[in-house]
PDB file of N, CA and C in Angstrom:
ATOM      1  N   UNK A   1      19.260  10.065  -0.043  1.00  0.00           N
ATOM      2  CA  UNK A   1      19.129   9.661  -1.408  1.00  0.00           C
ATOM      3  C   UNK A   1      18.638   8.187  -1.475  1.00  0.00           C
ATOM      4  N   UNK A   2      17.889   7.894  -2.485  1.00  0.00           N
ATOM      5  CA  UNK A   2      17.342   6.565  -2.637  1.00  0.00           C
ATOM      6  C   UNK A   2      18.485   5.497  -2.711  1.00  0.00           C
ATOM      7  N   UNK A   3      19.560   5.808  -3.398  1.00  0.00           N
ATOM      8  CA  UNK A   3      20.606   4.840  -3.572  1.00  0.00           C
ATOM      9  C   UNK A   3      21.407   4.601  -2.303  1.00  0.00           C
ATOM     10  N   UNK A   4      21.230   5.411  -1.310  1.00  0.00           N
ATOM     11  CA  UNK A   4      21.857   5.227   0.034  1.00  0.00           C
ATOM     12  C   UNK A   4      21.054   4.389   0.997  1.00  0.00           C
ATOM     13  N   UNK A   5      19.839   4.071   0.623  1.00  0.00           N
ATOM     14  CA  UNK A   5      18.915   3.404   1.561  1.00  0.00           C
ATOM     15  C   UNK A   5      19.474   2.024   2.036  1.00  0.00           C
ATOM     16  N   UNK A   6      20.087   1.257   1.153  1.00  0.00           N
ATOM     17  CA  UNK A   6      20.582  -0.066   1.614  1.00  0.00           C
ATOM     18  C   UNK A   6      21.632   0.115   2.677  1.00  0.00           C
ATOM     19  N   UNK A   7      22.541   1.078   2.531  1.00  0.00           N
ATOM     20  CA  UNK A   7      23.542   1.344   3.555  1.00  0.00           C
ATOM     21  C   UNK A   7      22.930   1.863   4.827  1.00  0.00           C
ATOM     22  N   UNK A   8      21.939   2.750   4.739  1.00  0.00           N
ATOM     23  CA  UNK A   8      21.296   3.256   5.934  1.00  0.00           C
ATOM     24  C   UNK A   8      20.555   2.106   6.683  1.00  0.00           C
ATOM     25  N   UNK A   9      19.968   1.238   5.900  1.00  0.00           N
ATOM     26  CA  UNK A   9      19.262   0.096   6.480  1.00  0.00           C
ATOM     27  C   UNK A   9      20.196  -0.816   7.265  1.00  0.00           C
ATOM     28  N   UNK A  10      21.349  -1.126   6.693  1.00  0.00           N
ATOM     29  CA  UNK A  10      22.332  -1.966   7.357  1.00  0.00           C
ATOM     30  C   UNK A  10      22.835  -1.261   8.634  1.00  0.00           C
ATOM     31  N   UNK A  11      23.122   0.015   8.561  1.00  0.00           N
ATOM     32  CA  UNK A  11      23.574   0.753   9.740  1.00  0.00           C
ATOM     33  C   UNK A  11      22.504   0.759  10.817  1.00  0.00           C
ATOM     34  N   UNK A  12      21.231   0.949  10.445  1.00  0.00           N
ATOM     35  CA  UNK A  12      20.126   0.893  11.409  1.00  0.00           C
ATOM     36  C   UNK A  12      20.059  -0.466  12.097  1.00  0.00           C
ATOM     37  N   UNK A  13      20.236  -1.503  11.346  1.00  0.00           N
ATOM     38  CA  UNK A  13      20.226  -2.869  11.946  1.00  0.00           C
ATOM     39  C   UNK A  13      21.377  -3.026  12.906  1.00  0.00           C
ATOM     40  N   UNK A  14      22.582  -2.601  12.500  1.00  0.00           N
ATOM     41  CA  UNK A  14      23.776  -2.771  13.354  1.00  0.00           C
ATOM     42  C   UNK A  14      23.586  -1.965  14.645  1.00  0.00           C
ATOM     43  N   UNK A  15      22.899  -0.834  14.584  1.00  0.00           N
ATOM     44  CA  UNK A  15      22.628   0.003  15.796  1.00  0.00           C
ATOM     45  C   UNK A  15      21.443  -0.495  16.604  1.00  0.00           C
ATOM     46  N   UNK A  16      20.928  -1.677  16.232  1.00  0.00           N
ATOM     47  CA  UNK A  16      19.938  -2.317  17.117  1.00  0.00           C
ATOM     48  C   UNK A  16      18.537  -2.261  16.644  1.00  0.00           C
ATOM     49  N   UNK A  17      18.226  -1.639  15.516  1.00  0.00           N
ATOM     50  CA  UNK A  17      16.874  -1.636  14.995  1.00  0.00           C
ATOM     51  C   UNK A  17      16.596  -2.961  14.314  1.00  0.00           C
ATOM     52  N   UNK A  18      16.314  -3.926  15.122  1.00  0.00           N
ATOM     53  CA  UNK A  18      16.271  -5.318  14.670  1.00  0.00           C
ATOM     54  C   UNK A  18      14.870  -5.819  14.261  1.00  0.00           C
ATOM     55  N   UNK A  19      13.878  -4.905  14.297  1.00  0.00           N
ATOM     56  CA  UNK A  19      12.527  -5.287  13.983  1.00  0.00           C
ATOM     57  C   UNK A  19      11.878  -4.322  13.027  1.00  0.00           C
ATOM     58  N   UNK A  20      11.469  -4.809  11.833  1.00  0.00           N
ATOM     59  CA  UNK A  20      10.718  -4.011  10.906  1.00  0.00           C
ATOM     60  C   UNK A  20       9.232  -4.117  11.287  1.00  0.00           C
ATOM     61  N   UNK A  21       8.732  -3.105  11.950  1.00  0.00           N
ATOM     62  CA  UNK A  21       7.339  -3.148  12.406  1.00  0.00           C
ATOM     63  C   UNK A  21       6.352  -3.104  11.217  1.00  0.00           C
ATOM     64  N   UNK A  22       6.639  -2.226  10.264  1.00  0.00           N
ATOM     65  CA  UNK A  22       5.801  -2.178   9.069  1.00  0.00           C
ATOM     66  C   UNK A  22       6.513  -1.462   7.937  1.00  0.00           C
ATOM     67  N   UNK A  23       6.057  -1.671   6.761  1.00  0.00           N
ATOM     68  CA  UNK A  23       6.484  -0.975   5.574  1.00  0.00           C
ATOM     69  C   UNK A  23       5.245  -0.676   4.745  1.00  0.00           C
ATOM     70  N   UNK A  24       5.123   0.506   4.238  1.00  0.00           N
ATOM     71  CA  UNK A  24       4.046   0.863   3.377  1.00  0.00           C
ATOM     72  C   UNK A  24       4.556   1.811   2.332  1.00  0.00           C
ATOM     73  N   UNK A  25       3.740   2.176   1.390  1.00  0.00           N
ATOM     74  CA  UNK A  25       4.133   3.137   0.353  1.00  0.00           C
ATOM     75  C   UNK A  25       2.924   3.984  -0.035  1.00  0.00           C
ATOM     76  N   UNK A  26       3.226   5.148  -0.536  1.00  0.00           N
ATOM     77  CA  UNK A  26       2.122   6.068  -0.994  1.00  0.00           C
ATOM     78  C   UNK A  26       2.606   6.958  -2.109  1.00  0.00           C
ATOM     79  N   UNK A  27       1.666   7.501  -2.784  1.00  0.00           N
ATOM     80  CA  UNK A  27       1.861   8.430  -3.881  1.00  0.00           C
ATOM     81  C   UNK A  27       1.886   9.829  -3.257  1.00  0.00           C
ATOM     82  N   UNK A  28       3.031  10.484  -3.326  1.00  0.00           N
ATOM     83  CA  UNK A  28       3.197  11.768  -2.605  1.00  0.00           C
ATOM     84  C   UNK A  28       2.345  12.871  -3.177  1.00  0.00           C
ATOM     85  N   UNK A  29       2.309  12.991  -4.497  1.00  0.00           N
ATOM     86  CA  UNK A  29       1.499  14.040  -5.148  1.00  0.00           C
ATOM     87  C   UNK A  29       1.340  13.625  -6.618  1.00  0.00           C
ATOM     88  N   UNK A  30       0.259  14.076  -7.215  1.00  0.00           N
ATOM     89  CA  UNK A  30       0.054  13.775  -8.663  1.00  0.00           C
ATOM     90  C   UNK A  30       1.256  14.217  -9.486  1.00  0.00           C
ATOM     91  N   UNK A  31       1.878  13.280 -10.222  1.00  0.00           N
ATOM     92  CA  UNK A  31       3.016  13.585 -11.049  1.00  0.00           C
ATOM     93  C   UNK A  31       4.296  13.685 -10.254  1.00  0.00           C
ATOM     94  N   UNK A  32       4.264  13.518  -8.936  1.00  0.00           N
ATOM     95  CA  UNK A  32       5.452  13.703  -8.111  1.00  0.00           C
ATOM     96  C   UNK A  32       6.127  12.393  -7.761  1.00  0.00           C
ATOM     97  N   UNK A  33       6.706  12.341  -6.625  1.00  0.00           N
ATOM     98  CA  UNK A  33       7.458  11.198  -6.150  1.00  0.00           C
ATOM     99  C   UNK A  33       6.541  10.118  -5.503  1.00  0.00           C
ATOM    100  N   UNK A  34       7.052   8.914  -5.448  1.00  0.00           N
ATOM    101  CA  UNK A  34       6.449   7.840  -4.653  1.00  0.00           C
ATOM    102  C   UNK A  34       7.320   7.644  -3.440  1.00  0.00           C
ATOM    103  N   UNK A  35       6.703   7.286  -2.320  1.00  0.00           N
ATOM    104  CA  UNK A  35       7.452   7.116  -1.082  1.00  0.00           C
ATOM    105  C   UNK A  35       7.246   5.722  -0.518  1.00  0.00           C
ATOM    106  N   UNK A  36       8.325   5.145   0.000  1.00  0.00           N
ATOM    107  CA  UNK A  36       8.274   3.875   0.718  1.00  0.00           C
ATOM    108  C   UNK A  36       8.663   4.211   2.169  1.00  0.00           C
ATOM    109  N   UNK A  37       7.814   3.768   3.117  1.00  0.00           N
ATOM    110  CA  UNK A  37       7.971   4.168   4.527  1.00  0.00           C
ATOM    111  C   UNK A  37       8.269   2.933   5.339  1.00  0.00           C
ATOM    112  N   UNK A  38       9.335   3.038   6.167  1.00  0.00           N
ATOM    113  CA  UNK A  38       9.744   1.931   7.012  1.00  0.00           C
ATOM    114  C   UNK A  38       9.699   2.323   8.473  1.00  0.00           C
ATOM    115  N   UNK A  39       8.975   1.516   9.267  1.00  0.00           N
ATOM    116  CA  UNK A  39       8.862   1.770  10.713  1.00  0.00           C
ATOM    117  C   UNK A  39       9.762   0.707  11.394  1.00  0.00           C
ATOM    118  N   UNK A  40      10.838   1.167  11.982  1.00  0.00           N
ATOM    119  CA  UNK A  40      11.823   0.261  12.599  1.00  0.00           C
ATOM    120  C   UNK A  40      11.780   0.390  14.129  1.00  0.00           C
ATOM    121  N   UNK A  41      12.014  -0.725  14.814  1.00  0.00           N
ATOM    122  CA  UNK A  41      11.964  -0.732  16.282  1.00  0.00           C
ATOM    123  C   UNK A  41      13.220  -1.392  16.807  1.00  0.00           C
ATOM    124  N   UNK A  42      13.773  -0.793  17.864  1.00  0.00           N
ATOM    125  CA  UNK A  42      14.853  -1.404  18.574  1.00  0.00           C
ATOM    126  C   UNK A  42      14.327  -2.137  19.793  1.00  0.00           C
ATOM    127  N   UNK A  43      14.349  -3.465  19.703  1.00  0.00           N
ATOM    128  CA  UNK A  43      13.842  -4.290  20.781  1.00  0.00           C
ATOM    129  C   UNK A  43      14.998  -4.839  21.626  1.00  0.00           C
ATOM    130  N   UNK A  44      15.021  -4.516  22.879  1.00  0.00           N
ATOM    131  CA  UNK A  44      16.068  -4.975  23.810  1.00  0.00           C
ATOM    132  C   UNK A  44      15.485  -5.604  25.022  1.00  0.00           C
ATOM    133  N   UNK A  45      16.125  -6.604  25.524  1.00  0.00           N
ATOM    134  CA  UNK A  45      15.693  -7.264  26.724  1.00  0.00           C
ATOM    135  C   UNK A  45      15.708  -6.267  27.903  1.00  0.00           C
ATOM    136  N   UNK A  46      14.602  -6.277  28.685  1.00  0.00           N
ATOM    137  CA  UNK A  46      14.519  -5.429  29.878  1.00  0.00           C
ATOM    138  C   UNK A  46      14.138  -3.990  29.637  1.00  0.00           C
ATOM    139  N   UNK A  47      13.893  -3.638  28.388  1.00  0.00           N
ATOM    140  CA  UNK A  47      13.479  -2.246  28.073  1.00  0.00           C
ATOM    141  C   UNK A  47      11.949  -2.244  27.807  1.00  0.00           C
ATOM    142  N   UNK A  48      11.246  -1.407  28.613  1.00  0.00           N
ATOM    143  CA  UNK A  48       9.807  -1.387  28.512  1.00  0.00           C
ATOM    144  C   UNK A  48       9.312  -0.590  27.293  1.00  0.00           C
ATOM    145  N   UNK A  49      10.038   0.455  26.936  1.00  0.00           N
ATOM    146  CA  UNK A  49       9.644   1.345  25.866  1.00  0.00           C
ATOM    147  C   UNK A  49      10.691   1.327  24.763  1.00  0.00           C
ATOM    148  N   UNK A  50      10.478   0.493  23.759  1.00  0.00           N
ATOM    149  CA  UNK A  50      11.505   0.362  22.713  1.00  0.00           C
ATOM    150  C   UNK A  50      11.602   1.648  21.891  1.00  0.00           C
ATOM    151  N   UNK A  51      12.803   1.928  21.379  1.00  0.00           N
ATOM    152  CA  UNK A  51      12.952   3.059  20.479  1.00  0.00           C
ATOM    153  C   UNK A  51      12.442   2.743  19.121  1.00  0.00           C
ATOM    154  N   UNK A  52      11.837   3.748  18.454  1.00  0.00           N
ATOM    155  CA  UNK A  52      11.292   3.533  17.133  1.00  0.00           C
ATOM    156  C   UNK A  52      11.761   4.650  16.244  1.00  0.00           C
ATOM    157  N   UNK A  53      11.877   4.351  14.948  1.00  0.00           N
ATOM    158  CA  UNK A  53      12.236   5.377  13.974  1.00  0.00           C
ATOM    159  C   UNK A  53      11.405   5.101  12.716  1.00  0.00           C
ATOM    160  N   UNK A  54      11.054   6.170  12.056  1.00  0.00           N
ATOM    161  CA  UNK A  54      10.345   6.091  10.778  1.00  0.00           C
ATOM    162  C   UNK A  54      11.175   6.694   9.679  1.00  0.00           C
ATOM    163  N   UNK A  55      11.466   5.918   8.626  1.00  0.00           N
ATOM    164  CA  UNK A  55      12.348   6.401   7.578  1.00  0.00           C
ATOM    165  C   UNK A  55      11.543   6.386   6.269  1.00  0.00           C
ATOM    166  N   UNK A  56      11.563   7.473   5.561  1.00  0.00           N
ATOM    167  CA  UNK A  56      10.904   7.559   4.278  1.00  0.00           C
ATOM    168  C   UNK A  56      11.918   7.623   3.148  1.00  0.00           C
ATOM    169  N   UNK A  57      11.719   6.793   2.145  1.00  0.00           N
ATOM    170  CA  UNK A  57      12.608   6.757   1.024  1.00  0.00           C
ATOM    171  C   UNK A  57      11.786   7.152  -0.226  1.00  0.00           C
ATOM    172  N   UNK A  58      12.208   8.152  -0.940  1.00  0.00           N
ATOM    173  CA  UNK A  58      11.497   8.710  -2.058  1.00  0.00           C
ATOM    174  C   UNK A  58      12.056   8.242  -3.409  1.00  0.00           C
ATOM    175  N   UNK A  59      11.237   7.960  -4.373  1.00  0.00           N
ATOM    176  CA  UNK A  59      11.682   7.514  -5.642  1.00  0.00           C
ATOM    177  C   UNK A  59      10.895   8.267  -6.755  1.00  0.00           C
ATOM    178  N   UNK A  60      11.568   8.608  -7.815  1.00  0.00           N
ATOM    179  CA  UNK A  60      10.871   9.332  -8.892  1.00  0.00           C
ATOM    180  C   UNK A  60       9.853   8.404  -9.575  1.00  0.00           C
ATOM    181  N   UNK A  61       8.755   8.999  -9.921  1.00  0.00           N
ATOM    182  CA  UNK A  61       7.664   8.251 -10.595  1.00  0.00           C
ATOM    183  C   UNK A  61       8.139   7.626 -11.912  1.00  0.00           C
ATOM    184  N   UNK A  62       9.010   8.277 -12.609  1.00  0.00           N
ATOM    185  CA  UNK A  62       9.445   7.823 -13.882  1.00  0.00           C
ATOM    186  C   UNK A  62      10.300   6.559 -13.823  1.00  0.00           C
ATOM    187  N   UNK A  63      10.997   6.342 -12.685  1.00  0.00           N
ATOM    188  CA  UNK A  63      11.806   5.129 -12.471  1.00  0.00           C
ATOM    189  C   UNK A  63      11.850   4.785 -11.018  1.00  0.00           C
ATOM    190  N   UNK A  64      10.724   4.257 -10.454  1.00  0.00           N
ATOM    191  CA  UNK A  64      10.633   4.074  -9.007  1.00  0.00           C
ATOM    192  C   UNK A  64      11.360   2.801  -8.528  1.00  0.00           C
ATOM    193  N   UNK A  65      12.652   2.935  -8.274  1.00  0.00           N
ATOM    194  CA  UNK A  65      13.492   1.853  -7.841  1.00  0.00           C
ATOM    195  C   UNK A  65      14.082   2.158  -6.468  1.00  0.00           C
ATOM    196  N   UNK A  66      13.924   1.195  -5.529  1.00  0.00           N
ATOM    197  CA  UNK A  66      14.416   1.358  -4.163  1.00  0.00           C
ATOM    198  C   UNK A  66      15.093  -0.012  -3.802  1.00  0.00           C
ATOM    199  N   UNK A  67      16.254   0.056  -3.164  1.00  0.00           N
ATOM    200  CA  UNK A  67      16.874  -1.227  -2.718  1.00  0.00           C
ATOM    201  C   UNK A  67      15.977  -1.925  -1.736  1.00  0.00           C
ATOM    202  N   UNK A  68      15.812  -3.221  -1.927  1.00  0.00           N
ATOM    203  CA  UNK A  68      14.990  -4.056  -1.002  1.00  0.00           C
ATOM    204  C   UNK A  68      15.772  -4.248   0.316  1.00  0.00           C
ATOM    205  N   UNK A  69      14.986  -4.325   1.415  1.00  0.00           N
ATOM    206  CA  UNK A  69      15.627  -4.628   2.695  1.00  0.00           C
ATOM    207  C   UNK A  69      15.242  -6.086   3.175  1.00  0.00           C
ATOM    208  N   UNK A  70      14.740  -6.874   2.242  1.00  0.00           N
ATOM    209  CA  UNK A  70      14.386  -8.250   2.506  1.00  0.00           C
ATOM    210  C   UNK A  70      15.519  -8.998   3.198  1.00  0.00           C
ATOM    211  N   UNK A  71      16.757  -8.742   2.688  1.00  0.00           N
ATOM    212  CA  UNK A  71      17.911  -9.514   3.208  1.00  0.00           C
ATOM    213  C   UNK A  71      18.354  -9.035   4.615  1.00  0.00           C
ATOM    214  N   UNK A  72      17.780  -7.941   5.082  1.00  0.00           N
ATOM    215  CA  UNK A  72      18.051  -7.475   6.464  1.00  0.00           C
ATOM    216  C   UNK A  72      16.881  -7.852   7.413  1.00  0.00           C
ATOM    217  N   UNK A  73      15.686  -7.495   6.941  1.00  0.00           N
ATOM    218  CA  UNK A  73      14.465  -7.832   7.706  1.00  0.00           C
ATOM    219  C   UNK A  73      13.553  -8.655   6.805  1.00  0.00           C
ATOM    220  N   UNK A  74      13.495  -9.955   7.060  1.00  0.00           N
ATOM    221  CA  UNK A  74      12.714 -10.892   6.205  1.00  0.00           C
ATOM    222  C   UNK A  74      11.226 -10.460   6.190  1.00  0.00           C
ATOM    223  N   UNK A  75      10.756  -9.799   7.213  1.00  0.00           N
ATOM    224  CA  UNK A  75       9.339  -9.390   7.244  1.00  0.00           C
ATOM    225  C   UNK A  75       9.005  -8.365   6.146  1.00  0.00           C
ATOM    226  N   UNK A  76       9.974  -7.870   5.482  1.00  0.00           N
ATOM    227  CA  UNK A  76       9.731  -6.921   4.347  1.00  0.00           C
ATOM    228  C   UNK A  76       9.185  -7.639   3.109  1.00  0.00           C
ATOM    229  N   UNK A  77       9.249  -8.969   3.081  1.00  0.00           N
ATOM    230  CA  UNK A  77       8.865  -9.758   1.950  1.00  0.00           C
ATOM    231  C   UNK A  77       7.487  -9.352   1.385  1.00  0.00           C
ATOM    232  N   UNK A  78       6.428  -9.641   2.099  1.00  0.00           N
ATOM    233  CA  UNK A  78       5.078  -9.372   1.569  1.00  0.00           C
ATOM    234  C   UNK A  78       4.824  -7.874   1.539  1.00  0.00           C
ATOM    235  N   UNK A  79       5.386  -7.119   2.424  1.00  0.00           N
ATOM    236  CA  UNK A  79       5.103  -5.695   2.478  1.00  0.00           C
ATOM    237  C   UNK A  79       5.668  -4.976   1.225  1.00  0.00           C
ATOM    238  N   UNK A  80       6.901  -5.307   0.856  1.00  0.00           N
ATOM    239  CA  UNK A  80       7.450  -4.692  -0.345  1.00  0.00           C
ATOM    240  C   UNK A  80       6.724  -5.214  -1.610  1.00  0.00           C
ATOM    241  N   UNK A  81       6.291  -6.435  -1.580  1.00  0.00           N
ATOM    242  CA  UNK A  81       5.525  -6.965  -2.690  1.00  0.00           C
ATOM    243  C   UNK A  81       4.171  -6.236  -2.857  1.00  0.00           C
ATOM    244  N   UNK A  82       3.515  -5.935  -1.748  1.00  0.00           N
ATOM    245  CA  UNK A  82       2.262  -5.191  -1.812  1.00  0.00           C
ATOM    246  C   UNK A  82       2.506  -3.750  -2.341  1.00  0.00           C
ATOM    247  N   UNK A  83       3.581  -3.128  -1.949  1.00  0.00           N
ATOM    248  CA  UNK A  83       3.897  -1.769  -2.437  1.00  0.00           C
ATOM    249  C   UNK A  83       4.227  -1.822  -3.927  1.00  0.00           C
ATOM    250  N   UNK A  84       4.867  -2.864  -4.356  1.00  0.00           N
ATOM    251  CA  UNK A  84       5.121  -3.035  -5.771  1.00  0.00           C
ATOM    252  C   UNK A  84       3.830  -3.228  -6.557  1.00  0.00           C
ATOM    253  N   UNK A  85       2.963  -4.062  -6.026  1.00  0.00           N
ATOM    254  CA  UNK A  85       1.707  -4.415  -6.701  1.00  0.00           C
ATOM    255  C   UNK A  85       0.788  -3.218  -6.785  1.00  0.00           C
ATOM    256  N   UNK A  86       0.701  -2.393  -5.759  1.00  0.00           N
ATOM    257  CA  UNK A  86      -0.232  -1.287  -5.729  1.00  0.00           C
ATOM    258  C   UNK A  86       0.311   0.021  -6.363  1.00  0.00           C
ATOM    259  N   UNK A  87       1.621   0.257  -6.254  1.00  0.00           N
ATOM    260  CA  UNK A  87       2.190   1.528  -6.703  1.00  0.00           C
ATOM    261  C   UNK A  87       3.288   1.368  -7.761  1.00  0.00           C
ATOM    262  N   UNK A  88       3.760   0.140  -8.008  1.00  0.00           N
ATOM    263  CA  UNK A  88       4.767  -0.069  -9.057  1.00  0.00           C
ATOM    264  C   UNK A  88       6.175   0.330  -8.633  1.00  0.00           C
ATOM    265  N   UNK A  89       6.457   0.324  -7.334  1.00  0.00           N
ATOM    266  CA  UNK A  89       7.807   0.577  -6.876  1.00  0.00           C
ATOM    267  C   UNK A  89       8.612  -0.722  -6.989  1.00  0.00           C
ATOM    268  N   UNK A  90       9.737  -0.655  -7.716  1.00  0.00           N
ATOM    269  CA  UNK A  90      10.544  -1.844  -7.899  1.00  0.00           C
ATOM    270  C   UNK A  90      11.567  -1.902  -6.766  1.00  0.00           C
ATOM    271  N   UNK A  91      11.590  -2.991  -6.028  1.00  0.00           N
ATOM    272  CA  UNK A  91      12.526  -3.173  -4.925  1.00  0.00           C
ATOM    273  C   UNK A  91      13.668  -4.045  -5.411  1.00  0.00           C
ATOM    274  N   UNK A  92      14.781  -3.412  -5.714  1.00  0.00           N
ATOM    275  CA  UNK A  92      15.923  -4.093  -6.290  1.00  0.00           C
ATOM    276  C   UNK A  92      16.420  -5.213  -5.361  1.00  0.00           C
ATOM    277  N   UNK A  93      16.739  -6.363  -5.917  1.00  0.00           N
ATOM    278  CA  UNK A  93      17.271  -7.538  -5.231  1.00  0.00           C
ATOM    279  C   UNK A  93      16.263  -8.214  -4.307  1.00  0.00           C
ATOM    280  N   UNK A  94      14.970  -7.893  -4.496  1.00  0.00           N
ATOM    281  CA  UNK A  94      13.948  -8.689  -3.794  1.00  0.00           C
ATOM    282  C   UNK A  94      13.818 -10.012  -4.486  1.00  0.00           C
ATOM    283  N   UNK A  95      13.828 -11.130  -3.771  1.00  0.00           N
ATOM    284  CA  UNK A  95      13.872 -12.446  -4.411  1.00  0.00           C
ATOM    285  C   UNK A  95      12.541 -12.883  -5.086  1.00  0.00           C
ATOM    286  N   UNK A  96      11.412 -12.311  -4.673  1.00  0.00           N
ATOM    287  CA  UNK A  96      10.149 -12.744  -5.209  1.00  0.00           C
ATOM    288  C   UNK A  96       9.245 -11.553  -5.582  1.00  0.00           C
ATOM    289  N   UNK A  97       9.756 -10.545  -6.213  1.00  0.00           N
ATOM    290  CA  UNK A  97       8.974  -9.340  -6.508  1.00  0.00           C
ATOM    291  C   UNK A  97       8.016  -9.620  -7.673  1.00  0.00           C
ATOM    292  N   UNK A  98       6.788  -9.939  -7.275  1.00  0.00           N
ATOM    293  CA  UNK A  98       5.707 -10.188  -8.256  1.00  0.00           C
ATOM    294  C   UNK A  98       4.398  -9.781  -7.599  1.00  0.00           C
ATOM    295  N   UNK A  99       3.368  -9.722  -8.381  1.00  0.00           N
ATOM    296  CA  UNK A  99       2.044  -9.314  -7.870  1.00  0.00           C
ATOM    297  C   UNK A  99       1.610 -10.227  -6.747  1.00  0.00           C
ATOM    298  N   UNK A 100       0.951  -9.626  -5.744  1.00  0.00           N
ATOM    299  CA  UNK A 100       0.511 -10.385  -4.574  1.00  0.00           C
ATOM    300  C   UNK A 100      -1.002 -10.213  -4.372  1.00  0.00           C
ATOM    301  N   UNK A 101      -1.573  -9.116  -4.780  1.00  0.00           N
ATOM    302  CA  UNK A 101      -2.987  -8.841  -4.565  1.00  0.00           C
ATOM    303  C   UNK A 101      -3.774  -8.818  -5.912  1.00  0.00           C
ATOM    304  N   UNK A 102      -3.188  -8.201  -6.903  1.00  0.00           N
ATOM    305  CA  UNK A 102      -3.846  -8.080  -8.199  1.00  0.00           C
ATOM    306  C   UNK A 102      -3.541  -9.282  -9.063  1.00  0.00           C
ATOM    307  N   UNK A 103      -4.420  -9.615 -10.067  1.00  0.00           N
ATOM    308  CA  UNK A 103      -4.112 -10.718 -10.953  1.00  0.00           C
ATOM    309  C   UNK A 103      -2.898 -10.377 -11.814  1.00  0.00           C
ATOM    310  N   UNK A 104      -2.193 -11.435 -12.236  1.00  0.00           N
ATOM    311  CA  UNK A 104      -0.969 -11.265 -13.046  1.00  0.00           C
ATOM    312  C   UNK A 104      -1.304 -10.471 -14.390  1.00  0.00           C
ATOM    313  N   UNK A 105      -2.530 -10.575 -14.852  1.00  0.00           N
ATOM    314  CA  UNK A 105      -2.942  -9.914 -16.103  1.00  0.00           C
ATOM    315  C   UNK A 105      -3.216  -8.430 -15.922  1.00  0.00           C
ATOM    316  N   UNK A 106      -3.275  -7.947 -14.696  1.00  0.00           N
ATOM    317  CA  UNK A 106      -3.602  -6.548 -14.433  1.00  0.00           C
ATOM    318  C   UNK A 106      -2.525  -5.635 -15.002  1.00  0.00           C
ATOM    319  N   UNK A 107      -2.941  -4.557 -15.647  1.00  0.00           N
ATOM    320  CA  UNK A 107      -2.014  -3.603 -16.269  1.00  0.00           C
ATOM    321  C   UNK A 107      -2.096  -2.316 -15.441  1.00  0.00           C
ATOM    322  N   UNK A 108      -0.966  -1.839 -15.002  1.00  0.00           N
ATOM    323  CA  UNK A 108      -0.901  -0.606 -14.266  1.00  0.00           C
ATOM    324  C   UNK A 108      -0.800  -0.791 -12.755  1.00  0.00           C
ATOM    325  N   UNK A 109      -0.913   0.340 -12.038  1.00  0.00           N
ATOM    326  CA  UNK A 109      -0.729   0.361 -10.607  1.00  0.00           C
ATOM    327  C   UNK A 109      -1.937   1.065  -9.969  1.00  0.00           C
ATOM    328  N   UNK A 110      -2.792   0.345  -9.278  1.00  0.00           N
ATOM    329  CA  UNK A 110      -4.096   0.863  -8.778  1.00  0.00           C
ATOM    330  C   UNK A 110      -3.982   2.099  -7.875  1.00  0.00           C
ATOM    331  N   UNK A 111      -2.947   2.265  -7.124  1.00  0.00           N
ATOM    332  CA  UNK A 111      -2.909   3.381  -6.141  1.00  0.00           C
ATOM    333  C   UNK A 111      -2.084   4.604  -6.628  1.00  0.00           C
ATOM    334  N   UNK A 112      -1.763   4.646  -7.905  1.00  0.00           N
ATOM    335  CA  UNK A 112      -1.089   5.819  -8.453  1.00  0.00           C
ATOM    336  C   UNK A 112      -2.145   6.817  -8.857  1.00  0.00           C
TER     337      UNK A 112
END
């Protein structure tokens, strides 16, 4: 569930997934859900092949709100802002959630 994502993110970090490799978002289907995708990596000293996990969080198009993971992985800052700017996904508790690519006067979400 979308509302469980912040707890899942904290648990992932505690279990060693200490690096957010990337975050992206996409429109699942016309009129359907929006998805935010997180690629997490467990980086450990002396391990040649780090473990990776991909987690998808779905949000309804009518109210696309997902808890931000900025406070866990700071690298989510620009990535969540780009997903907000292009698809209109609101990342709750993100400290600087505003347009990053499109002009402030732009109306709508280009990738929906």
